[in-house]
Amino acid sequence: MPSSALPRGARIAVIVPLVALLFATGCAAKPLLSPESDRLRVVTTTGLLRDLVAQVGGDRVDVVSIVPDGADPHTYEPTLRDARNVVYADVAFSNYALLEEHSIIKTLDANLRSDAVNVSLAEESIKYAAEIIPLVENANLDTVWLGLRAQGDGAARYGATRTSDVLLSAVAASGPGQIYGYLTGSFGDTDVYFDSSDGFDAANGYRDDTVSLPADAHTHLSWAFTAPGVYTLTVAASVQVTDSARPQRVGEATFTFAVGVNPADAGRPGAVVLDQGHADLAADLDAGALEVRYDPGGGGEHSQVSYAPEDVVISVPPKALSEVPAGSAFGFLGRAGTRVYQLPQAVLGKHVHGEIDPHLWQDARNGMAYAQLIRDTLIGADPAGARVYTANTSAYLGVLEQTDAYLHDTLGAIPASDRHLITTHDAFGYLAHAYDLDIAGFVTPNPAAEPSLADRRKLAETIRSLHVPAVFLEPNLAARSSTLTEVAAEQGVRVCPIYGDTLDDRVASYVALLRFNADSIRACLTQKAP
């Protein structure tokens, strides 16, 4: 995911086109767009999109991607070299739908020339019959899953764009102990967003207790409380349209938590008690107010309800009591072994996203829609190349038609009872939807323990009950896959490769990615040698 949610007052610094400084940095070799080129110059956010543009544009385009092959578009931080490429681009393509790290989108939009074309493929491809599905999240938690949200795009009320920041600041707290809001990263590190132990400093704009989100997005969070009782947390929200603009106030509200006690003790008779499902402390950019957005099912497929903060009590039950893990990363909570009440963040690592699943390309039909949108965009920017772009696209659509048929045939050969996919990343909803697979689960360990015994047990039970012969791991996410690989080894099942967001030396094109995944899934789920 996006940084889109930033730790303890950290802010994204938009990369500006300091070309002279760029060449002094000695960056590793990465393709550069030349201002002297007579070809159409194109920049994409990811390598997948770069390959699509190359297939459609052929020799009439020079194309580079911001995110290098092998890197994760959810977390990659752009360099000055990337900003320099954006400056010289005639056309830019992003996937967006909140796929890319927010700083990637900021770098793109802030440095692109005013006369350049800027297209977000996921949103625009609907015009070409791309199918959009909701992002489904199955947290499998037995407490409420509580995050933060910027609801709405804020364009009409505040003039916000996709590069604007929605700032959520903790400004006051009460209770018998301390409140912490923090995020556990993929490698065991922690970023503390809210910390009541050192107060809230209005003099510096609460920068040490502020989270930044893109508009129309939400992020997961862990919450910790050091003693049982009733707590309140007051949150103020504002919109900063550009990095140099003065923040515009959205509103302020106080949220109530019942920690280790009966929610009736919170003194809010008639209040709705949130003790399961998925909830967000939300800034509604359309209404100009704060609210609680609630999804009782805990996943993106369910409708959401909004509540006024004063009408809600958030339950942190006695069973949420856990010990502070060993290690300096959790030292802010107290000494290892100290007992605190925790609401875990459910999904490990930064995971900022909206309601739409952004991984459209896993359905080859959506890849065809992307190609047609790219074709028409290139023709608009370079009318003289219309015949070339049209011919290239026609040929490529034929390849994608064949690839789509290959996926149907290959995955269709797997017995229906064996089409269960377990992965480390929720990136394969479109693959399952288009080719009749079942997403049996993806690894979402509890960040309060390393690893979570409950999550290991659930994963092992899923593997056993479905008789799953293999689980699937993206090569670029191998560093965060210990729970999956360990449980797979314990259960005697294979760990097989699958590609989600990125290319590499083994899978160097979009078509290769689709075919590789189909072959790997069939071979491993039918227990044949790959």
Protein backbone atom coordinates (compact mmCIF):
# COMPACT_ATOMS: atom_id res chain seq x y z
CA MET A 1 0.00 0.00 0.00
CA PRO A 2 1.03 4.09 -0.02
CA SER A 3 3.96 7.24 2.51
CA SER A 4 0.21 7.69 2.48
CA ALA A 5 -0.14 7.21 6.19
CA LEU A 6 2.88 8.84 7.78
CA PRO A 7 4.45 8.30 11.22
CA ARG A 8 4.54 10.89 14.01
CA GLY A 9 4.23 14.04 12.00
CA ALA A 10 6.33 12.99 9.04
CA ARG A 11 5.20 14.60 5.77
CA ILE A 12 5.73 13.70 2.15
CA ALA A 13 8.20 16.00 0.45
CA VAL A 14 7.20 16.35 -3.20
CA ILE A 15 10.15 15.74 -5.47
CA VAL A 16 10.73 18.76 -7.68
CA PRO A 17 12.62 18.83 -10.99
CA LEU A 18 16.07 19.73 -9.75
CA VAL A 19 17.85 18.31 -12.76
CA ALA A 20 21.27 19.67 -11.85
CA LEU A 21 21.05 18.08 -8.42
CA LEU A 22 19.95 14.83 -9.99
CA PHE A 23 23.18 14.27 -11.82
CA ALA A 24 25.17 15.04 -8.68
CA THR A 25 23.47 12.24 -6.76
CA GLY A 26 25.08 9.39 -8.68
CA CYS A 27 21.87 7.37 -8.86
CA ALA A 28 22.05 3.81 -10.07
CA ALA A 29 21.46 3.40 -13.77
CA LYS A 30 17.81 3.74 -14.69
CA PRO A 31 16.45 4.59 -18.16
CA LEU A 32 16.14 8.31 -18.81
CA LEU A 33 13.77 10.14 -21.12
CA SER A 34 15.71 12.43 -23.42
CA PRO A 35 14.48 15.97 -24.15
CA GLU A 36 16.06 15.61 -27.62
CA SER A 37 14.13 12.46 -28.59
CA ASP A 38 11.81 12.74 -31.60
CA ARG A 39 9.64 9.94 -30.18
CA LEU A 40 6.66 10.37 -27.89
CA ARG A 41 8.01 10.28 -24.32
CA VAL A 42 5.93 8.30 -21.85
CA VAL A 43 6.31 7.65 -18.13
CA THR A 44 4.32 4.99 -16.26
CA THR A 45 4.15 4.24 -12.58
CA THR A 46 4.84 0.48 -12.84
CA GLY A 47 6.68 -1.95 -15.07
CA LEU A 48 3.45 -3.70 -15.99
CA LEU A 49 2.08 -0.47 -17.46
CA ARG A 50 5.43 0.21 -19.12
CA ASP A 51 5.16 -3.10 -20.96
CA LEU A 52 1.59 -2.35 -22.09
CA VAL A 53 2.68 1.04 -23.46
CA ALA A 54 5.63 -0.55 -25.25
CA GLN A 55 3.35 -3.11 -26.90
CA VAL A 56 0.97 -0.41 -28.15
CA GLY A 57 3.50 2.32 -28.87
CA GLY A 58 6.24 0.27 -30.48
CA ASP A 59 9.07 2.29 -32.00
CA ARG A 60 7.16 5.56 -31.84
CA VAL A 61 7.50 5.86 -28.04
CA ASP A 62 10.20 6.01 -25.41
CA VAL A 63 8.73 4.65 -22.18
CA VAL A 64 10.11 4.32 -18.64
CA SER A 65 8.51 3.39 -15.32
CA ILE A 66 8.90 5.08 -11.94
CA VAL A 67 8.77 1.82 -9.98
CA PRO A 68 11.63 -0.47 -11.08
CA ASP A 69 11.02 -4.13 -11.81
CA GLY A 70 11.08 -6.20 -8.64
CA ALA A 71 9.96 -3.30 -6.43
CA ASP A 72 6.58 -2.98 -4.74
CA PRO A 73 4.37 -0.13 -6.05
CA HIS A 74 2.60 -0.04 -2.68
CA THR A 75 5.79 1.06 -0.89
CA TYR A 76 8.32 2.38 -3.45
CA GLU A 77 9.65 5.89 -2.80
CA PRO A 78 10.52 7.89 -5.95
CA THR A 79 13.96 9.39 -6.56
CA LEU A 80 15.08 12.61 -8.20
CA ARG A 81 15.85 10.55 -11.29
CA ASP A 82 12.20 9.49 -11.40
CA ALA A 83 11.08 13.12 -11.07
CA ARG A 84 13.41 14.10 -13.91
CA ASN A 85 11.76 11.52 -16.18
CA VAL A 86 8.33 12.90 -15.31
CA VAL A 87 9.46 16.41 -16.25
CA TYR A 88 10.30 15.34 -19.80
CA ALA A 89 7.26 13.10 -20.35
CA ASP A 90 4.58 13.93 -22.92
CA VAL A 91 2.19 11.31 -21.53
CA ALA A 92 1.88 9.70 -18.10
CA PHE A 93 -0.03 6.55 -17.14
CA SER A 94 -0.78 5.47 -13.58
CA ASN A 95 -2.95 2.60 -12.43
CA TYR A 96 -4.13 4.47 -9.32
CA ALA A 97 -7.39 3.39 -7.62
CA LEU A 98 -4.94 3.90 -4.72
CA LEU A 99 -2.62 1.13 -5.92
CA GLU A 100 0.55 3.21 -5.97
CA GLU A 101 2.33 4.75 -3.00
CA HIS A 102 0.95 8.28 -2.52
CA SER A 103 4.40 9.81 -2.99
CA ILE A 104 4.55 8.22 -6.46
CA ILE A 105 1.34 10.00 -7.45
CA LYS A 106 2.61 13.25 -5.92
CA THR A 107 5.85 12.97 -7.88
CA LEU A 108 3.91 12.33 -11.08
CA ASP A 109 1.33 15.09 -10.74
CA ALA A 110 3.66 17.73 -9.30
CA ASN A 111 6.35 17.39 -11.97
CA LEU A 112 4.35 16.65 -15.12
CA ARG A 113 4.22 19.54 -17.60
CA SER A 114 0.89 21.33 -17.83
CA ASP A 115 0.52 20.36 -21.50
CA ALA A 116 1.26 16.66 -20.88
CA VAL A 117 -1.48 14.02 -20.77
CA ASN A 118 -2.09 12.27 -17.43
CA VAL A 119 -4.29 9.15 -17.42
CA SER A 120 -5.35 6.92 -14.52
CA LEU A 121 -6.04 3.59 -16.19
CA ALA A 122 -8.13 1.78 -13.56
CA GLU A 123 -10.76 4.52 -13.45
CA GLU A 124 -10.77 5.42 -17.16
CA SER A 125 -10.75 1.84 -18.49
CA ILE A 126 -14.37 1.38 -17.44
CA LYS A 127 -15.23 3.19 -20.70
CA TYR A 128 -13.59 0.26 -22.52
CA ALA A 129 -15.63 -2.41 -20.69
CA ALA A 130 -13.15 -3.10 -17.90
CA GLU A 131 -14.88 -4.82 -14.99
CA ILE A 132 -14.39 -3.35 -11.52
CA ILE A 133 -14.84 -5.42 -8.36
CA PRO A 134 -14.73 -4.30 -4.71
CA LEU A 135 -11.67 -4.89 -2.57
CA VAL A 136 -12.67 -7.69 -0.23
CA GLU A 137 -10.84 -7.92 3.08
CA ASN A 138 -11.30 -10.84 5.42
CA ALA A 139 -9.67 -9.82 8.67
CA ASN A 140 -10.66 -12.92 10.68
CA LEU A 141 -10.42 -10.91 13.90
CA ASP A 142 -12.52 -11.49 17.00
CA THR A 143 -12.41 -7.81 17.99
CA VAL A 144 -13.36 -4.71 16.04
CA TRP A 145 -10.86 -3.80 13.33
CA LEU A 146 -10.37 -0.03 13.69
CA GLY A 147 -8.66 2.18 11.12
CA LEU A 148 -8.67 5.74 9.81
CA ARG A 149 -10.48 7.02 6.71
CA ALA A 150 -10.73 10.06 4.45
CA GLN A 151 -14.27 9.67 3.08
CA GLY A 152 -15.00 11.34 -0.28
CA ASP A 153 -12.66 13.13 -2.68
CA GLY A 154 -13.04 16.66 -1.25
CA ALA A 155 -12.98 18.22 -4.73
CA ALA A 156 -16.18 20.26 -4.50
CA ARG A 157 -15.83 21.47 -0.91
CA TYR A 158 -12.07 21.96 -0.61
CA GLY A 159 -10.65 21.83 -4.15
CA ALA A 160 -8.74 18.65 -3.28
CA THR A 161 -7.02 16.48 -5.90
CA ARG A 162 -5.54 12.98 -5.77
CA THR A 163 -2.24 14.49 -4.51
CA SER A 164 -3.85 16.39 -1.62
CA ASP A 165 -3.34 15.34 1.99
CA VAL A 166 -6.11 14.73 4.51
CA LEU A 167 -4.62 15.31 7.96
CA LEU A 168 -6.07 13.49 10.98
CA SER A 169 -4.60 14.80 14.25
CA ALA A 170 -5.06 13.57 17.80
CA VAL A 171 -5.51 16.77 19.82
CA ALA A 172 -6.67 15.51 23.25
CA ALA A 173 -7.21 12.29 25.20
CA SER A 174 -8.53 11.15 28.57
CA GLY A 175 -8.56 7.87 30.46
CA PRO A 176 -6.85 5.86 33.19
CA GLY A 177 -3.83 5.08 31.01
CA GLN A 178 -2.19 6.01 27.74
CA ILE A 179 -3.50 5.63 24.18
CA TYR A 180 -1.26 4.67 21.26
CA GLY A 181 -2.13 4.36 17.60
CA TYR A 182 0.62 2.70 15.61
CA LEU A 183 1.40 0.65 12.54
CA THR A 184 3.48 -2.52 12.40
CA GLY A 185 5.50 -2.73 9.22
CA SER A 186 6.26 -5.75 7.11
CA PHE A 187 9.70 -6.24 8.71
CA GLY A 188 8.65 -5.87 12.35
CA ASP A 189 9.29 -2.13 12.63
CA THR A 190 6.69 0.22 14.13
CA ASP A 191 5.54 3.73 13.26
CA VAL A 192 3.76 5.53 16.11
CA TYR A 193 1.05 7.89 14.89
CA PHE A 194 -0.77 8.84 18.11
CA ASP A 195 0.86 8.90 21.56
CA SER A 196 -0.97 10.42 24.52
CA SER A 197 1.95 9.87 26.91
CA ASP A 198 3.81 13.01 25.82
CA GLY A 199 0.76 15.24 25.33
CA PHE A 200 -0.51 16.96 22.20
CA ASP A 201 1.28 20.10 21.07
CA ALA A 202 -0.96 22.69 19.43
CA ALA A 203 2.03 25.03 18.98
CA ASN A 204 3.49 22.86 16.21
CA GLY A 205 0.14 21.96 14.66
CA TYR A 206 0.04 18.56 16.40
CA ARG A 207 2.61 17.35 13.87
CA ASP A 208 3.83 14.56 16.17
CA ASP A 209 0.31 13.10 16.39
CA THR A 210 -0.89 13.50 12.80
CA VAL A 211 -1.62 10.93 10.10
CA SER A 212 -1.72 11.93 6.43
CA LEU A 213 -3.97 10.09 3.97
CA PRO A 214 -4.94 10.60 0.33
CA ALA A 215 -8.56 11.58 -0.28
CA ASP A 216 -11.07 8.72 -0.46
CA ALA A 217 -8.75 6.22 1.22
CA HIS A 218 -8.35 4.40 4.50
CA THR A 219 -5.51 2.80 6.42
CA HIS A 220 -5.23 0.07 9.01
CA LEU A 221 -3.92 0.79 12.49
CA SER A 222 -3.11 -0.93 15.77
CA TRP A 223 -4.46 0.61 18.98
CA ALA A 224 -3.05 0.03 22.45
CA PHE A 225 -4.36 1.07 25.89
CA THR A 226 -2.24 0.63 29.00
CA ALA A 227 -4.99 0.20 31.64
CA PRO A 228 -8.64 -0.82 31.77
CA GLY A 229 -11.33 1.86 31.84
CA VAL A 230 -13.13 4.41 29.70
CA TYR A 231 -11.06 6.54 27.31
CA THR A 232 -11.79 9.40 24.94
CA LEU A 233 -9.72 10.55 21.97
CA THR A 234 -10.39 13.87 20.26
CA VAL A 235 -9.44 14.00 16.59
CA ALA A 236 -9.29 17.06 14.34
CA ALA A 237 -9.27 16.79 10.55
CA SER A 238 -8.13 19.18 7.81
CA VAL A 239 -7.37 19.13 4.09
CA GLN A 240 -4.10 20.43 2.65
CA VAL A 241 -4.69 20.79 -1.07
CA THR A 242 -1.00 21.33 -1.93
CA ASP A 243 2.17 21.12 0.12
CA SER A 244 2.41 24.91 0.26
CA ALA A 245 -1.29 25.56 0.98
CA ARG A 246 -2.72 26.33 4.41
CA PRO A 247 -4.76 23.38 5.74
CA GLN A 248 -8.53 23.83 5.57
CA ARG A 249 -10.42 22.66 8.63
CA VAL A 250 -12.87 19.77 8.21
CA GLY A 251 -13.99 19.34 11.81
CA GLU A 252 -13.26 17.89 15.23
CA ALA A 253 -14.90 15.11 17.24
CA THR A 254 -14.38 12.97 20.33
CA PHE A 255 -14.48 9.17 20.18
CA THR A 256 -15.16 6.92 23.18
CA PHE A 257 -13.50 3.57 24.00
CA ALA A 258 -14.54 1.01 26.63
CA VAL A 259 -11.30 -0.83 27.43
CA GLY A 260 -11.53 -4.06 29.44
CA VAL A 261 -14.82 -2.93 30.97
CA ASN A 262 -18.52 -3.20 30.18
CA PRO A 263 -19.36 -0.73 27.37
CA ALA A 264 -22.35 0.35 29.48
CA ASP A 265 -19.80 1.91 31.86
CA ALA A 266 -18.95 4.48 29.20
CA GLY A 267 -21.95 6.57 30.26
CA ARG A 268 -23.51 6.74 26.81
CA PRO A 269 -26.96 5.13 27.14
CA GLY A 270 -28.35 3.99 23.82
CA ALA A 271 -24.98 4.19 22.06
CA VAL A 272 -24.08 1.65 19.40
CA VAL A 273 -21.34 -0.69 20.65
CA LEU A 274 -18.78 -1.63 18.00
CA ASP A 275 -17.19 -4.92 19.03
CA GLN A 276 -16.61 -6.71 15.70
CA GLY A 277 -16.34 -6.02 11.98
CA HIS A 278 -14.47 -3.12 10.41
CA ALA A 279 -14.72 0.49 11.60
CA ASP A 280 -12.89 3.70 10.73
CA LEU A 281 -12.58 7.04 12.47
CA ALA A 282 -13.41 9.05 9.37
CA ALA A 283 -13.20 12.59 8.04
CA ASP A 284 -16.17 13.04 5.68
CA LEU A 285 -14.87 15.48 3.06
CA ASP A 286 -18.28 15.90 1.47
CA ALA A 287 -20.14 16.74 4.67
CA GLY A 288 -17.26 18.56 6.38
CA ALA A 289 -17.47 16.54 9.60
CA LEU A 290 -15.99 13.57 11.45
CA GLU A 291 -17.89 10.30 11.82
CA VAL A 292 -17.49 6.58 12.40
CA ARG A 293 -17.82 4.45 9.27
CA TYR A 294 -18.77 0.89 10.10
CA ASP A 295 -18.92 -2.35 8.14
CA PRO A 296 -20.25 -5.17 10.35
CA GLY A 297 -18.96 -7.85 7.98
CA GLY A 298 -15.38 -6.63 8.09
CA GLY A 299 -14.77 -6.65 4.34
CA GLY A 300 -15.16 -4.40 1.32
CA GLU A 301 -18.09 -6.40 -0.02
CA HIS A 302 -20.46 -5.14 2.71
CA SER A 303 -22.34 -1.85 2.83
CA GLN A 304 -21.09 0.71 5.31
CA VAL A 305 -23.05 2.62 7.92
CA SER A 306 -22.05 6.03 9.27
CA TYR A 307 -22.53 7.08 12.89
CA ALA A 308 -22.02 10.35 14.71
CA PRO A 309 -19.06 9.92 17.12
CA GLU A 310 -21.20 10.69 20.16
CA ASP A 311 -23.52 7.80 19.28
CA VAL A 312 -20.81 5.12 19.35
CA VAL A 313 -18.75 3.27 21.95
CA ILE A 314 -15.78 1.29 20.60
CA SER A 315 -15.29 -1.88 22.62
CA VAL A 316 -11.80 -3.14 23.51
CA PRO A 317 -12.80 -6.30 25.41
CA PRO A 318 -10.92 -8.10 28.17
CA LYS A 319 -9.84 -10.76 25.66
CA ALA A 320 -7.84 -8.03 23.88
CA LEU A 321 -5.34 -8.08 26.77
CA SER A 322 -1.92 -9.17 25.51
CA GLU A 323 1.75 -8.88 26.40
CA VAL A 324 4.11 -6.33 24.86
CA PRO A 325 6.43 -8.29 22.53
CA ALA A 326 10.17 -8.29 23.09
CA GLY A 327 12.26 -5.97 20.97
CA SER A 328 12.98 -2.27 20.80
CA ALA A 329 10.28 -1.70 18.16
CA PHE A 330 7.58 -2.07 20.83
CA GLY A 331 9.44 -0.28 23.61
CA PHE A 332 7.07 2.70 23.51
CA LEU A 333 4.32 0.44 24.91
CA GLY A 334 6.38 -0.54 27.95
CA ARG A 335 8.73 -3.32 28.93
CA ALA A 336 8.43 -6.69 27.21
CA GLY A 337 5.82 -8.79 28.98
CA THR A 338 3.83 -5.79 30.21
CA ARG A 339 0.13 -6.37 29.62
CA VAL A 340 -1.79 -3.90 27.45
CA TYR A 341 -5.13 -3.97 25.66
CA GLN A 342 -4.77 -4.05 21.88
CA LEU A 343 -6.89 -3.79 18.77
CA PRO A 344 -4.61 -5.22 16.07
CA GLN A 345 -4.41 -3.72 12.60
CA ALA A 346 -5.29 -7.04 10.89
CA VAL A 347 -3.17 -6.53 7.76
CA LEU A 348 0.57 -6.39 8.25
CA GLY A 349 2.44 -3.39 6.84
CA LYS A 350 1.25 -0.15 5.29
CA HIS A 351 -2.01 -0.86 3.55
CA VAL A 352 -3.70 2.34 2.37
CA HIS A 353 -6.44 1.79 -0.16
CA GLY A 354 -9.95 2.60 -1.31
CA GLU A 355 -13.00 0.44 -1.92
CA ILE A 356 -12.07 -0.69 -5.47
CA ASP A 357 -9.67 -3.58 -5.94
CA PRO A 358 -6.94 -1.90 -8.04
CA HIS A 359 -5.37 -5.09 -9.48
CA LEU A 360 -7.50 -5.10 -12.64
CA TRP A 361 -4.81 -6.58 -14.90
CA GLN A 362 -5.10 -10.05 -13.36
CA ASP A 363 -8.11 -10.45 -15.69
CA ALA A 364 -6.78 -10.48 -19.27
CA ARG A 365 -10.02 -8.84 -20.45
CA ASN A 366 -9.22 -5.85 -18.29
CA GLY A 367 -5.73 -5.84 -19.79
CA MET A 368 -7.40 -5.50 -23.18
CA ALA A 369 -9.33 -2.47 -21.92
CA TYR A 370 -6.07 -0.95 -20.68
CA ALA A 371 -4.46 -1.48 -24.10
CA GLN A 372 -7.33 0.23 -25.92
CA LEU A 373 -7.26 3.19 -23.54
CA ILE A 374 -3.50 3.48 -24.00
CA ARG A 375 -3.96 3.35 -27.80
CA ASP A 376 -6.46 6.20 -27.85
CA THR A 377 -4.38 8.26 -25.43
CA LEU A 378 -1.25 7.90 -27.59
CA ILE A 379 -3.23 8.79 -30.73
CA GLY A 380 -4.50 11.93 -29.01
CA ALA A 381 -0.96 12.95 -28.08
CA ASP A 382 0.59 11.89 -31.42
CA PRO A 383 -2.05 11.87 -34.20
CA ALA A 384 0.60 11.17 -36.84
CA GLY A 385 1.16 7.77 -35.26
CA ALA A 386 -2.50 6.74 -35.30
CA ARG A 387 -2.02 4.01 -37.92
CA VAL A 388 0.93 2.49 -36.06
CA TYR A 389 -0.80 2.59 -32.68
CA THR A 390 -3.97 1.08 -34.13
CA ALA A 391 -2.12 -1.74 -35.88
CA ASN A 392 0.02 -2.53 -32.84
CA THR A 393 -3.02 -2.61 -30.57
CA SER A 394 -4.98 -4.82 -32.93
CA ALA A 395 -2.16 -7.35 -32.97
CA TYR A 396 -1.71 -7.14 -29.20
CA LEU A 397 -5.43 -7.61 -28.53
CA GLY A 398 -5.16 -10.82 -30.51
CA VAL A 399 -2.36 -11.96 -28.21
CA LEU A 400 -4.41 -11.06 -25.15
CA GLU A 401 -7.43 -12.91 -26.55
CA GLN A 402 -5.26 -16.01 -26.88
CA THR A 403 -3.86 -15.47 -23.41
CA ASP A 404 -7.34 -15.16 -21.92
CA ALA A 405 -8.32 -18.43 -23.60
CA TYR A 406 -5.12 -20.04 -22.32
CA LEU A 407 -5.95 -19.01 -18.75
CA HIS A 408 -9.49 -20.37 -19.04
CA ASP A 409 -8.21 -23.67 -20.43
CA THR A 410 -5.29 -24.02 -18.03
CA LEU A 411 -7.11 -23.06 -14.83
CA GLY A 412 -10.28 -24.80 -16.00
CA ALA A 413 -8.34 -28.08 -16.04
CA ILE A 414 -8.02 -27.90 -12.24
CA PRO A 415 -10.80 -29.90 -10.57
CA ALA A 416 -13.41 -27.54 -9.11
CA SER A 417 -12.81 -28.95 -5.62
CA ASP A 418 -9.11 -28.00 -5.81
CA ARG A 419 -9.30 -24.36 -6.96
CA HIS A 420 -8.39 -22.81 -3.61
CA LEU A 421 -5.80 -20.03 -3.63
CA ILE A 422 -3.87 -19.03 -0.48
CA THR A 423 -1.37 -16.20 -0.94
CA THR A 424 0.53 -13.48 0.94
CA HIS A 425 -1.24 -10.56 -0.73
CA ASP A 426 -4.85 -9.64 -1.50
CA ALA A 427 -4.01 -9.01 -5.18
CA PHE A 428 -5.77 -11.86 -6.94
CA GLY A 429 -9.47 -11.08 -6.67
CA TYR A 430 -9.77 -10.42 -10.41
CA LEU A 431 -7.91 -13.63 -11.24
CA ALA A 432 -10.33 -15.60 -9.09
CA HIS A 433 -13.38 -13.75 -10.41
CA ALA A 434 -12.50 -14.16 -14.09
CA TYR A 435 -11.22 -17.74 -14.01
CA ASP A 436 -13.40 -19.38 -11.36
CA LEU A 437 -10.93 -19.74 -8.51
CA ASP A 438 -11.63 -19.46 -4.79
CA ILE A 439 -9.57 -17.08 -2.65
CA ALA A 440 -9.30 -19.33 0.38
CA GLY A 441 -7.23 -16.76 2.26
CA PHE A 442 -4.24 -14.50 2.38
CA VAL A 443 -1.87 -14.15 5.30
CA THR A 444 -2.86 -11.36 7.68
CA PRO A 445 -0.87 -11.96 10.88
CA ASN A 446 -1.72 -10.22 14.11
CA PRO A 447 1.00 -7.58 14.55
CA ALA A 448 0.92 -7.88 18.33
CA ALA A 449 2.70 -11.24 18.24
CA GLU A 450 5.47 -12.70 16.11
CA PRO A 451 4.05 -14.86 14.70
CA SER A 452 0.43 -15.04 15.85
CA LEU A 453 -0.44 -18.52 17.07
CA ALA A 454 -4.12 -17.86 16.32
CA ASP A 455 -3.38 -16.89 12.74
CA ARG A 456 -1.05 -19.82 12.25
CA ARG A 457 -3.79 -22.12 13.54
CA LYS A 458 -6.42 -20.61 11.23
CA LEU A 459 -4.11 -20.92 8.25
CA ALA A 460 -3.22 -24.50 9.11
CA GLU A 461 -6.90 -25.37 9.55
CA THR A 462 -7.73 -23.85 6.16
CA ILE A 463 -4.98 -25.87 4.48
CA ARG A 464 -6.11 -29.07 6.17
CA SER A 465 -9.85 -28.65 5.70
CA LEU A 466 -9.58 -27.76 2.01
CA HIS A 467 -6.82 -30.32 1.37
CA VAL A 468 -4.79 -27.54 -0.24
CA PRO A 469 -1.61 -28.99 -1.76
CA ALA A 470 0.17 -25.63 -2.17
CA VAL A 471 0.23 -22.00 -1.13
CA PHE A 472 1.49 -19.14 -3.29
CA LEU A 473 4.13 -16.51 -2.64
CA GLU A 474 5.08 -13.44 -4.69
CA PRO A 475 8.86 -13.37 -5.17
CA ASN A 476 9.12 -9.67 -4.27
CA LEU A 477 7.29 -10.29 -0.97
CA ALA A 478 9.50 -13.17 0.17
CA ALA A 479 10.96 -11.12 3.03
CA ARG A 480 7.59 -10.91 4.77
CA SER A 481 6.45 -14.49 4.19
CA SER A 482 7.76 -16.37 7.22
CA THR A 483 4.32 -17.31 8.58
CA LEU A 484 3.15 -18.69 5.24
CA THR A 485 6.31 -20.69 4.55
CA GLU A 486 6.55 -22.06 8.09
CA VAL A 487 2.93 -23.22 8.20
CA ALA A 488 3.25 -24.70 4.71
CA ALA A 489 6.29 -26.68 5.83
CA GLU A 490 4.48 -27.89 8.95
CA GLN A 491 1.51 -29.02 6.86
CA GLY A 492 3.67 -30.64 4.20
CA VAL A 493 2.43 -28.46 1.33
CA ARG A 494 4.44 -26.68 -1.34
CA VAL A 495 5.17 -22.97 -1.61
CA CYS A 496 4.77 -21.96 -5.25
CA PRO A 497 5.48 -18.68 -7.05
CA ILE A 498 2.81 -16.22 -8.21
CA TYR A 499 3.18 -12.69 -9.57
CA GLY A 500 0.99 -9.80 -8.50
CA ASP A 501 2.20 -6.23 -9.03
CA THR A 502 5.65 -6.40 -10.54
CA LEU A 503 7.83 -7.92 -13.25
CA ASP A 504 11.36 -9.30 -12.95
CA ASP A 505 13.98 -11.15 -15.03
CA ARG A 506 11.95 -14.38 -14.99
CA VAL A 507 8.59 -12.77 -15.81
CA ALA A 508 9.42 -9.77 -17.96
CA SER A 509 6.09 -8.91 -19.61
CA TYR A 510 2.39 -8.69 -18.84
CA VAL A 511 1.51 -11.70 -21.00
CA ALA A 512 4.34 -13.70 -19.42
CA LEU A 513 2.94 -12.84 -15.97
CA LEU A 514 -0.54 -14.09 -16.81
CA ARG A 515 0.71 -17.31 -18.39
CA PHE A 516 3.25 -17.97 -15.62
CA ASN A 517 0.58 -17.62 -12.94
CA ALA A 518 -1.80 -19.95 -14.75
CA ASP A 519 0.91 -22.58 -15.21
CA SER A 520 2.10 -22.29 -11.60
CA ILE A 521 -1.41 -22.50 -10.13
CA ARG A 522 -2.38 -25.50 -12.25
CA ALA A 523 0.86 -27.37 -11.61
CA CYS A 524 0.78 -26.80 -7.87
CA LEU A 525 -2.93 -27.29 -7.21
CA THR A 526 -2.95 -30.52 -9.19
CA GLN A 527 0.22 -31.64 -7.38
CA LYS A 528 2.17 -32.00 -10.58
CA ALA A 529 5.81 -31.07 -10.86
CA PRO A 530 6.05 -27.46 -12.12
